[in-house]
Amino acid sequence: RLTERQIKEEFEELHQFLRDEEAARIAALRE
């Protein structure tokens, strides 16, 4: 249970980074 939670947290951090990076690049494109 704890390992699964931690895996999800680790990947959520990576996912959030990718989402932020995607949003920043799309914002730059739209600008």
Full PDB file with SEQRES, HELIX, SHEET, SSBOND, CRYST1, ORIGX, SCALE, CONECT and MASTER records, all heavy atoms in Angstrom:
SEQRES   1 A   31  ARG LEU THR GLU ARG GLN ILE LYS GLU GLU PHE GLU GLU          
SEQRES   2 A   31  LEU HIS GLN PHE LEU ARG ASP GLU GLU ALA ALA ARG ILE          
SEQRES   3 A   31  ALA ALA LEU ARG GLU                                          
HELIX    1 AA1 LEU A    2  ARG A   30  1                                  29    
CRYST1    1.000    1.000    1.000  90.00  90.00  90.00 P 1           1          
ORIGX1      1.000000  0.000000  0.000000        0.00000                         
ORIGX2      0.000000  1.000000  0.000000        0.00000                         
ORIGX3      0.000000  0.000000  1.000000        0.00000                         
SCALE1      1.000000  0.000000  0.000000        0.00000                         
SCALE2      0.000000  1.000000  0.000000        0.00000                         
SCALE3      0.000000  0.000000  1.000000        0.00000                         
ATOM      1  N   ARG A   1       0.826  -1.212   0.000  1.00  0.00           N  
ATOM      2  CA  ARG A   1       0.000   0.000   0.000  1.00  0.00           C  
ATOM      3  C   ARG A   1       0.860   1.263   0.000  1.00  0.00           C  
ATOM      4  O   ARG A   1       0.634   2.194  -0.797  1.00  0.00           O  
ATOM      5  CB  ARG A   1      -0.927  -0.015   1.218  1.00  0.00           C  
ATOM      6  CG  ARG A   1      -1.925   1.135   1.245  1.00  0.00           C  
ATOM      7  CD  ARG A   1      -2.912   0.991   2.378  1.00  0.00           C  
ATOM      8  NE  ARG A   1      -2.272   1.023   3.688  1.00  0.00           N  
ATOM      9  CZ  ARG A   1      -2.074  -0.034   4.448  1.00  0.00           C  
ATOM     10  NH1 ARG A   1      -2.434  -1.241   4.022  1.00  0.00           N  
ATOM     11  NH2 ARG A   1      -1.490   0.064   5.627  1.00  0.00           N  
ATOM     12  N   LEU A   2       1.873   1.298   0.876  1.00  0.00           N  
ATOM     13  CA  LEU A   2       2.728   2.482   0.966  1.00  0.00           C  
ATOM     14  C   LEU A   2       3.585   2.659  -0.282  1.00  0.00           C  
ATOM     15  O   LEU A   2       3.776   3.781  -0.760  1.00  0.00           O  
ATOM     16  CB  LEU A   2       3.624   2.372   2.205  1.00  0.00           C  
ATOM     17  CG  LEU A   2       2.902   2.365   3.566  1.00  0.00           C  
ATOM     18  CD1 LEU A   2       3.901   2.222   4.698  1.00  0.00           C  
ATOM     19  CD2 LEU A   2       2.082   3.635   3.752  1.00  0.00           C  
ATOM     20  N   THR A   3       4.105   1.536  -0.806  1.00  0.00           N  
ATOM     21  CA  THR A   3       4.949   1.620  -2.005  1.00  0.00           C  
ATOM     22  C   THR A   3       4.138   2.077  -3.206  1.00  0.00           C  
ATOM     23  O   THR A   3       4.594   2.907  -4.009  1.00  0.00           O  
ATOM     24  CB  THR A   3       5.594   0.255  -2.306  1.00  0.00           C  
ATOM     25  OG1 THR A   3       6.315  -0.191  -1.146  1.00  0.00           O  
ATOM     26  CG2 THR A   3       6.549   0.357  -3.479  1.00  0.00           C  
ATOM     27  N   GLU A   4       2.916   1.554  -3.327  1.00  0.00           N  
ATOM     28  CA  GLU A   4       2.050   1.977  -4.438  1.00  0.00           C  
ATOM     29  C   GLU A   4       1.731   3.470  -4.330  1.00  0.00           C  
ATOM     30  O   GLU A   4       1.745   4.196  -5.334  1.00  0.00           O  
ATOM     31  CB  GLU A   4       0.759   1.160  -4.427  1.00  0.00           C  
ATOM     32  CG  GLU A   4      -0.188   1.515  -5.564  1.00  0.00           C  
ATOM     33  CD  GLU A   4      -1.423   0.649  -5.583  1.00  0.00           C  
ATOM     34  OE1 GLU A   4      -1.410  -0.436  -4.954  1.00  0.00           O  
ATOM     35  OE2 GLU A   4      -2.417   1.051  -6.218  1.00  0.00           O  
ATOM     36  N   ARG A   5       1.464   3.906  -3.094  1.00  0.00           N  
ATOM     37  CA  ARG A   5       1.179   5.337  -2.900  1.00  0.00           C  
ATOM     38  C   ARG A   5       2.377   6.191  -3.277  1.00  0.00           C  
ATOM     39  O   ARG A   5       2.244   7.223  -3.947  1.00  0.00           O  
ATOM     40  CB  ARG A   5       0.807   5.591  -1.435  1.00  0.00           C  
ATOM     41  CG  ARG A   5       0.363   7.018  -1.157  1.00  0.00           C  
ATOM     42  CD  ARG A   5       0.432   7.336   0.317  1.00  0.00           C  
ATOM     43  NE  ARG A   5       1.810   7.361   0.781  1.00  0.00           N  
ATOM     44  CZ  ARG A   5       2.157   7.450   2.066  1.00  0.00           C  
ATOM     45  NH1 ARG A   5       1.242   7.490   3.011  1.00  0.00           N  
ATOM     46  NH2 ARG A   5       3.440   7.481   2.405  1.00  0.00           N  
ATOM     47  N   GLN A   6       3.569   5.726  -2.874  1.00  0.00           N  
ATOM     48  CA  GLN A   6       4.768   6.503  -3.179  1.00  0.00           C  
ATOM     49  C   GLN A   6       5.063   6.514  -4.680  1.00  0.00           C  
ATOM     50  O   GLN A   6       5.495   7.533  -5.231  1.00  0.00           O  
ATOM     51  CB  GLN A   6       5.965   5.924  -2.416  1.00  0.00           C  
ATOM     52  CG  GLN A   6       7.196   6.816  -2.466  1.00  0.00           C  
ATOM     53  CD  GLN A   6       8.283   6.341  -1.534  1.00  0.00           C  
ATOM     54  OE1 GLN A   6       8.054   5.453  -0.706  1.00  0.00           O  
ATOM     55  NE2 GLN A   6       9.459   6.902  -1.657  1.00  0.00           N  
ATOM     56  N   ILE A   7       4.846   5.369  -5.348  1.00  0.00           N  
ATOM     57  CA  ILE A   7       5.034   5.325  -6.799  1.00  0.00           C  
ATOM     58  C   ILE A   7       4.114   6.328  -7.481  1.00  0.00           C  
ATOM     59  O   ILE A   7       4.526   7.072  -8.386  1.00  0.00           O  
ATOM     60  CB  ILE A   7       4.772   3.896  -7.329  1.00  0.00           C  
ATOM     61  CG1 ILE A   7       5.894   2.960  -6.887  1.00  0.00           C  
ATOM     62  CG2 ILE A   7       4.656   3.894  -8.859  1.00  0.00           C  
ATOM     63  CD1 ILE A   7       5.650   1.509  -7.231  1.00  0.00           C  
ATOM     64  N   LYS A   8       2.860   6.351  -7.027  1.00  0.00           N  
ATOM     65  CA  LYS A   8       1.905   7.293  -7.617  1.00  0.00           C  
ATOM     66  C   LYS A   8       2.326   8.739  -7.363  1.00  0.00           C  
ATOM     67  O   LYS A   8       2.192   9.593  -8.251  1.00  0.00           O  
ATOM     68  CB  LYS A   8       0.506   7.039  -7.046  1.00  0.00           C  
ATOM     69  CG  LYS A   8      -0.127   5.743  -7.527  1.00  0.00           C  
ATOM     70  CD  LYS A   8      -1.522   5.561  -6.961  1.00  0.00           C  
ATOM     71  CE  LYS A   8      -2.175   4.297  -7.501  1.00  0.00           C  
ATOM     72  NZ  LYS A   8      -3.539   4.091  -6.957  1.00  0.00           N  
ATOM     73  N   GLU A   9       2.839   9.005  -6.145  1.00  0.00           N  
ATOM     74  CA  GLU A   9       3.293  10.366  -5.831  1.00  0.00           C  
ATOM     75  C   GLU A   9       4.481  10.758  -6.704  1.00  0.00           C  
ATOM     76  O   GLU A   9       4.555  11.896  -7.194  1.00  0.00           O  
ATOM     77  CB  GLU A   9       3.658  10.455  -4.356  1.00  0.00           C  
ATOM     78  CG  GLU A   9       2.459  10.372  -3.408  1.00  0.00           C  
ATOM     79  CD  GLU A   9       2.882  10.373  -1.955  1.00  0.00           C  
ATOM     80  OE1 GLU A   9       4.107  10.335  -1.687  1.00  0.00           O  
ATOM     81  OE2 GLU A   9       1.998  10.421  -1.078  1.00  0.00           O  
ATOM     82  N   GLU A  10       5.432   9.803  -6.866  1.00  0.00           N  
ATOM     83  CA  GLU A  10       6.600  10.095  -7.698  1.00  0.00           C  
ATOM     84  C   GLU A  10       6.183  10.389  -9.141  1.00  0.00           C  
ATOM     85  O   GLU A  10       6.654  11.347  -9.760  1.00  0.00           O  
ATOM     86  CB  GLU A  10       7.570   8.902  -7.664  1.00  0.00           C  
ATOM     87  CG  GLU A  10       8.204   8.637  -6.307  1.00  0.00           C  
ATOM     88  CD  GLU A  10       9.361   9.579  -6.007  1.00  0.00           C  
ATOM     89  OE1 GLU A  10       9.790  10.286  -6.935  1.00  0.00           O  
ATOM     90  OE2 GLU A  10       9.811   9.612  -4.852  1.00  0.00           O  
ATOM     91  N   PHE A  11       5.296   9.556  -9.681  1.00  0.00           N  
ATOM     92  CA  PHE A  11       4.866   9.760 -11.059  1.00  0.00           C  
ATOM     93  C   PHE A  11       3.970  10.995 -11.184  1.00  0.00           C  
ATOM     94  O   PHE A  11       3.986  11.659 -12.227  1.00  0.00           O  
ATOM     95  CB  PHE A  11       4.140   8.518 -11.580  1.00  0.00           C  
ATOM     96  CG  PHE A  11       5.070   7.502 -12.171  1.00  0.00           C  
ATOM     97  CD1 PHE A  11       5.548   6.437 -11.413  1.00  0.00           C  
ATOM     98  CD2 PHE A  11       5.495   7.604 -13.485  1.00  0.00           C  
ATOM     99  CE1 PHE A  11       6.419   5.509 -11.947  1.00  0.00           C  
ATOM    100  CE2 PHE A  11       6.359   6.685 -14.040  1.00  0.00           C  
ATOM    101  CZ  PHE A  11       6.828   5.634 -13.266  1.00  0.00           C  
ATOM    102  N   GLU A  12       3.211  11.291 -10.132  1.00  0.00           N  
ATOM    103  CA  GLU A  12       2.389  12.499 -10.182  1.00  0.00           C  
ATOM    104  C   GLU A  12       3.276  13.736 -10.265  1.00  0.00           C  
ATOM    105  O   GLU A  12       2.944  14.704 -10.962  1.00  0.00           O  
ATOM    106  CB  GLU A  12       1.495  12.568  -8.942  1.00  0.00           C  
ATOM    107  CG  GLU A  12       0.641  13.832  -8.838  1.00  0.00           C  
ATOM    108  CD  GLU A  12      -0.257  14.054 -10.041  1.00  0.00           C  
ATOM    109  OE1 GLU A  12      -0.650  13.061 -10.702  1.00  0.00           O  
ATOM    110  OE2 GLU A  12      -0.551  15.230 -10.347  1.00  0.00           O  
ATOM    111  N   GLU A  13       4.409  13.697  -9.561  1.00  0.00           N  
ATOM    112  CA  GLU A  13       5.349  14.811  -9.645  1.00  0.00           C  
ATOM    113  C   GLU A  13       5.897  14.955 -11.069  1.00  0.00           C  
ATOM    114  O   GLU A  13       6.003  16.070 -11.599  1.00  0.00           O  
ATOM    115  CB  GLU A  13       6.495  14.589  -8.657  1.00  0.00           C  
ATOM    116  CG  GLU A  13       7.479  15.753  -8.599  1.00  0.00           C  
ATOM    117  CD  GLU A  13       8.577  15.532  -7.574  1.00  0.00           C  
ATOM    118  OE1 GLU A  13       8.476  14.565  -6.794  1.00  0.00           O  
ATOM    119  OE2 GLU A  13       9.534  16.337  -7.566  1.00  0.00           O  
ATOM    120  N   LEU A  14       6.222  13.806 -11.676  1.00  0.00           N  
ATOM    121  CA  LEU A  14       6.698  13.837 -13.064  1.00  0.00           C  
ATOM    122  C   LEU A  14       5.590  14.296 -14.013  1.00  0.00           C  
ATOM    123  O   LEU A  14       5.827  15.100 -14.923  1.00  0.00           O  
ATOM    124  CB  LEU A  14       7.201  12.456 -13.476  1.00  0.00           C  
ATOM    125  CG  LEU A  14       8.427  11.911 -12.719  1.00  0.00           C  
ATOM    126  CD1 LEU A  14       8.749  10.495 -13.163  1.00  0.00           C  
ATOM    127  CD2 LEU A  14       9.633  12.822 -12.930  1.00  0.00           C  
ATOM    128  N   HIS A  15       4.383  13.773 -13.780  1.00  0.00           N  
ATOM    129  CA  HIS A  15       3.252  14.161 -14.630  1.00  0.00           C  
ATOM    130  C   HIS A  15       2.987  15.666 -14.518  1.00  0.00           C  
ATOM    131  O   HIS A  15       2.722  16.338 -15.529  1.00  0.00           O  
ATOM    132  CB  HIS A  15       1.996  13.380 -14.229  1.00  0.00           C  
ATOM    133  CG  HIS A  15       2.092  11.911 -14.522  1.00  0.00           C  
ATOM    134  ND1 HIS A  15       1.295  10.970 -13.899  1.00  0.00           N  
ATOM    135  CD2 HIS A  15       2.908  11.232 -15.362  1.00  0.00           C  
ATOM    136  CE1 HIS A  15       1.614   9.773 -14.357  1.00  0.00           C  
ATOM    137  NE2 HIS A  15       2.586   9.900 -15.238  1.00  0.00           N  
ATOM    138  N   GLN A  16       3.050  16.174 -13.266  1.00  0.00           N  
ATOM    139  CA  GLN A  16       2.798  17.597 -13.063  1.00  0.00           C  
ATOM    140  C   GLN A  16       3.864  18.437 -13.751  1.00  0.00           C  
ATOM    141  O   GLN A  16       3.568  19.473 -14.344  1.00  0.00           O  
ATOM    142  CB  GLN A  16       2.755  17.912 -11.557  1.00  0.00           C  
ATOM    143  CG  GLN A  16       2.327  19.332 -11.232  1.00  0.00           C  
ATOM    144  CD  GLN A  16       0.937  19.637 -11.776  1.00  0.00           C  
ATOM    145  OE1 GLN A  16       0.011  18.860 -11.579  1.00  0.00           O  
ATOM    146  NE2 GLN A  16       0.789  20.773 -12.463  1.00  0.00           N  
ATOM    147  N   PHE A  17       5.124  17.987 -13.659  1.00  0.00           N  
ATOM    148  CA  PHE A  17       6.193  18.695 -14.363  1.00  0.00           C  
ATOM    149  C   PHE A  17       5.918  18.727 -15.856  1.00  0.00           C  
ATOM    150  O   PHE A  17       6.063  19.777 -16.509  1.00  0.00           O  
ATOM    151  CB  PHE A  17       7.544  18.020 -14.091  1.00  0.00           C  
ATOM    152  CG  PHE A  17       8.657  18.529 -14.961  1.00  0.00           C  
ATOM    153  CD1 PHE A  17       9.337  19.697 -14.637  1.00  0.00           C  
ATOM    154  CD2 PHE A  17       9.007  17.854 -16.122  1.00  0.00           C  
ATOM    155  CE1 PHE A  17      10.358  20.171 -15.454  1.00  0.00           C  
ATOM    156  CE2 PHE A  17      10.023  18.328 -16.945  1.00  0.00           C  
ATOM    157  CZ  PHE A  17      10.699  19.487 -16.603  1.00  0.00           C  
ATOM    158  N   LEU A  18       5.517  17.584 -16.426  1.00  0.00           N  
ATOM    159  CA  LEU A  18       5.237  17.520 -17.856  1.00  0.00           C  
ATOM    160  C   LEU A  18       4.028  18.376 -18.225  1.00  0.00           C  
ATOM    161  O   LEU A  18       4.025  19.037 -19.273  1.00  0.00           O  
ATOM    162  CB  LEU A  18       5.007  16.066 -18.278  1.00  0.00           C  
ATOM    163  CG  LEU A  18       6.238  15.142 -18.207  1.00  0.00           C  
ATOM    164  CD1 LEU A  18       5.852  13.706 -18.524  1.00  0.00           C  
ATOM    165  CD2 LEU A  18       7.328  15.619 -19.161  1.00  0.00           C  
ATOM    166  N   ARG A  19       3.015  18.364 -17.353  1.00  0.00           N  
ATOM    167  CA  ARG A  19       1.844  19.203 -17.626  1.00  0.00           C  
ATOM    168  C   ARG A  19       2.221  20.678 -17.603  1.00  0.00           C  
ATOM    169  O   ARG A  19       1.786  21.462 -18.468  1.00  0.00           O  
ATOM    170  CB  ARG A  19       0.730  18.912 -16.603  1.00  0.00           C  
ATOM    171  CG  ARG A  19      -0.002  17.595 -16.825  1.00  0.00           C  
ATOM    172  CD  ARG A  19      -1.273  17.532 -16.003  1.00  0.00           C  
ATOM    173  NE  ARG A  19      -0.991  17.465 -14.584  1.00  0.00           N  
ATOM    174  CZ  ARG A  19      -0.888  16.338 -13.884  1.00  0.00           C  
ATOM    175  NH1 ARG A  19      -1.031  15.169 -14.506  1.00  0.00           N  
ATOM    176  NH2 ARG A  19      -0.644  16.348 -12.593  1.00  0.00           N  
ATOM    177  N   ASP A  20       3.044  21.057 -16.605  1.00  0.00           N  
ATOM    178  CA  ASP A  20       3.481  22.463 -16.522  1.00  0.00           C  
ATOM    179  C   ASP A  20       4.337  22.835 -17.733  1.00  0.00           C  
ATOM    180  O   ASP A  20       4.191  23.931 -18.300  1.00  0.00           O  
ATOM    181  CB  ASP A  20       4.271  22.691 -15.231  1.00  0.00           C  
ATOM    182  CG  ASP A  20       3.391  22.553 -13.997  1.00  0.00           C  
ATOM    183  OD1 ASP A  20       2.154  22.611 -14.143  1.00  0.00           O  
ATOM    184  OD2 ASP A  20       3.950  22.373 -12.898  1.00  0.00           O  
ATOM    185  N   GLU A  21       5.227  21.931 -18.114  1.00  0.00           N  
ATOM    186  CA  GLU A  21       6.093  22.202 -19.248  1.00  0.00           C  
ATOM    187  C   GLU A  21       5.266  22.289 -20.537  1.00  0.00           C  
ATOM    188  O   GLU A  21       5.514  23.152 -21.387  1.00  0.00           O  
ATOM    189  CB  GLU A  21       7.143  21.093 -19.369  1.00  0.00           C  
ATOM    190  CG  GLU A  21       8.215  21.345 -20.400  1.00  0.00           C  
ATOM    191  CD  GLU A  21       9.123  22.510 -20.063  1.00  0.00           C  
ATOM    192  OE1 GLU A  21       9.160  22.913 -18.865  1.00  0.00           O  
ATOM    193  OE2 GLU A  21       9.783  23.031 -20.983  1.00  0.00           O  
ATOM    194  N   GLU A  22       4.286  21.409 -20.670  1.00  0.00           N  
ATOM    195  CA  GLU A  22       3.416  21.434 -21.843  1.00  0.00           C  
ATOM    196  C   GLU A  22       2.639  22.752 -21.890  1.00  0.00           C  
ATOM    197  O   GLU A  22       2.544  23.388 -22.950  1.00  0.00           O  
ATOM    198  CB  GLU A  22       2.444  20.257 -21.791  1.00  0.00           C  
ATOM    199  CG  GLU A  22       1.450  20.229 -22.936  1.00  0.00           C  
ATOM    200  CD  GLU A  22       0.402  19.140 -22.766  1.00  0.00           C  
ATOM    201  OE1 GLU A  22       0.359  18.508 -21.678  1.00  0.00           O  
ATOM    202  OE2 GLU A  22      -0.385  18.928 -23.699  1.00  0.00           O  
ATOM    203  N   ALA A  23       2.085  23.144 -20.729  1.00  0.00           N  
ATOM    204  CA  ALA A  23       1.321  24.389 -20.676  1.00  0.00           C  
ATOM    205  C   ALA A  23       2.193  25.591 -21.018  1.00  0.00           C  
ATOM    206  O   ALA A  23       1.770  26.506 -21.742  1.00  0.00           O  
ATOM    207  CB  ALA A  23       0.706  24.553 -19.284  1.00  0.00           C  
ATOM    208  N   ALA A  24       3.457  25.604 -20.512  1.00  0.00           N  
ATOM    209  CA  ALA A  24       4.362  26.718 -20.782  1.00  0.00           C  
ATOM    210  C   ALA A  24       4.701  26.798 -22.268  1.00  0.00           C  
ATOM    211  O   ALA A  24       4.733  27.893 -22.861  1.00  0.00           O  
ATOM    212  CB  ALA A  24       5.639  26.573 -19.955  1.00  0.00           C  
ATOM    213  N   ARG A  25       4.932  25.641 -22.894  1.00  0.00           N  
ATOM    214  CA  ARG A  25       5.293  25.641 -24.317  1.00  0.00           C  
ATOM    215  C   ARG A  25       4.093  26.012 -25.192  1.00  0.00           C  
ATOM    216  O   ARG A  25       4.237  26.714 -26.194  1.00  0.00           O  
ATOM    217  CB  ARG A  25       5.857  24.282 -24.703  1.00  0.00           C  
ATOM    218  CG  ARG A  25       7.238  24.058 -24.093  1.00  0.00           C  
ATOM    219  CD  ARG A  25       7.834  22.718 -24.481  1.00  0.00           C  
ATOM    220  NE  ARG A  25       9.228  22.660 -24.009  1.00  0.00           N  
ATOM    221  CZ  ARG A  25      10.268  23.085 -24.693  1.00  0.00           C  
ATOM    222  NH1 ARG A  25      10.097  23.632 -25.886  1.00  0.00           N  
ATOM    223  NH2 ARG A  25      11.495  23.009 -24.206  1.00  0.00           N  
ATOM    224  N   ILE A  26       2.910  25.554 -24.822  1.00  0.00           N  
ATOM    225  CA  ILE A  26       1.716  25.932 -25.579  1.00  0.00           C  
ATOM    226  C   ILE A  26       1.442  27.433 -25.417  1.00  0.00           C  
ATOM    227  O   ILE A  26       1.053  28.128 -26.373  1.00  0.00           O  
ATOM    228  CB  ILE A  26       0.509  25.101 -25.118  1.00  0.00           C  
ATOM    229  CG1 ILE A  26       0.688  23.644 -25.574  1.00  0.00           C  
ATOM    230  CG2 ILE A  26      -0.795  25.664 -25.677  1.00  0.00           C  
ATOM    231  CD1 ILE A  26      -0.408  22.713 -25.116  1.00  0.00           C  
ATOM    232  N   ALA A  27       1.689  27.948 -24.184  1.00  0.00           N  
ATOM    233  CA  ALA A  27       1.503  29.385 -23.949  1.00  0.00           C  
ATOM    234  C   ALA A  27       2.475  30.199 -24.799  1.00  0.00           C  
ATOM    235  O   ALA A  27       2.101  31.239 -25.376  1.00  0.00           O  
ATOM    236  CB  ALA A  27       1.689  29.703 -22.465  1.00  0.00           C  
ATOM    237  N   ALA A  28       3.739  29.725 -24.896  1.00  0.00           N  
ATOM    238  CA  ALA A  28       4.728  30.421 -25.721  1.00  0.00           C  
ATOM    239  C   ALA A  28       4.324  30.388 -27.190  1.00  0.00           C  
ATOM    240  O   ALA A  28       4.466  31.386 -27.921  1.00  0.00           O  
ATOM    241  CB  ALA A  28       6.102  29.789 -25.522  1.00  0.00           C  
ATOM    242  N   LEU A  29       3.819  29.248 -27.629  1.00  0.00           N  
ATOM    243  CA  LEU A  29       3.356  29.134 -29.014  1.00  0.00           C  
ATOM    244  C   LEU A  29       2.194  30.084 -29.279  1.00  0.00           C  
ATOM    245  O   LEU A  29       2.168  30.803 -30.297  1.00  0.00           O  
ATOM    246  CB  LEU A  29       2.937  27.684 -29.289  1.00  0.00           C  
ATOM    247  CG  LEU A  29       2.261  27.429 -30.636  1.00  0.00           C  
ATOM    248  CD1 LEU A  29       3.208  27.735 -31.796  1.00  0.00           C  
ATOM    249  CD2 LEU A  29       1.746  25.998 -30.711  1.00  0.00           C  
ATOM    250  N   ARG A  30       1.244  30.125 -28.370  1.00  0.00           N  
ATOM    251  CA  ARG A  30       0.078  30.982 -28.556  1.00  0.00           C  
ATOM    252  C   ARG A  30       0.457  32.463 -28.508  1.00  0.00           C  
ATOM    253  O   ARG A  30      -0.143  33.296 -29.203  1.00  0.00           O  
ATOM    254  CB  ARG A  30      -0.975  30.663 -27.499  1.00  0.00           C  
ATOM    255  CG  ARG A  30      -1.634  29.294 -27.714  1.00  0.00           C  
ATOM    256  CD  ARG A  30      -2.608  28.943 -26.617  1.00  0.00           C  
ATOM    257  NE  ARG A  30      -3.244  27.651 -26.884  1.00  0.00           N  
ATOM    258  CZ  ARG A  30      -4.055  27.035 -26.031  1.00  0.00           C  
ATOM    259  NH1 ARG A  30      -4.320  27.605 -24.842  1.00  0.00           N  
ATOM    260  NH2 ARG A  30      -4.597  25.878 -26.352  1.00  0.00           N  
ATOM    261  N   GLU A  31       1.454  32.805 -27.686  1.00  0.00           N  
ATOM    262  CA  GLU A  31       1.913  34.194 -27.632  1.00  0.00           C  
ATOM    263  C   GLU A  31       2.530  34.596 -28.967  1.00  0.00           C  
ATOM    264  O   GLU A  31       2.273  35.694 -29.487  1.00  0.00           O  
ATOM    265  CB  GLU A  31       2.925  34.361 -26.503  1.00  0.00           C  
ATOM    266  CG  GLU A  31       3.413  35.799 -26.345  1.00  0.00           C  
ATOM    267  CD  GLU A  31       4.415  35.945 -25.220  1.00  0.00           C  
ATOM    268  OE1 GLU A  31       4.697  34.929 -24.536  1.00  0.00           O  
ATOM    269  OE2 GLU A  31       4.931  37.070 -25.021  1.00  0.00           O  
TER     270      GLU A  31                                                      
MASTER        0    0    0    1    0    0    0    6  269    1    0    3          
END                                                                             
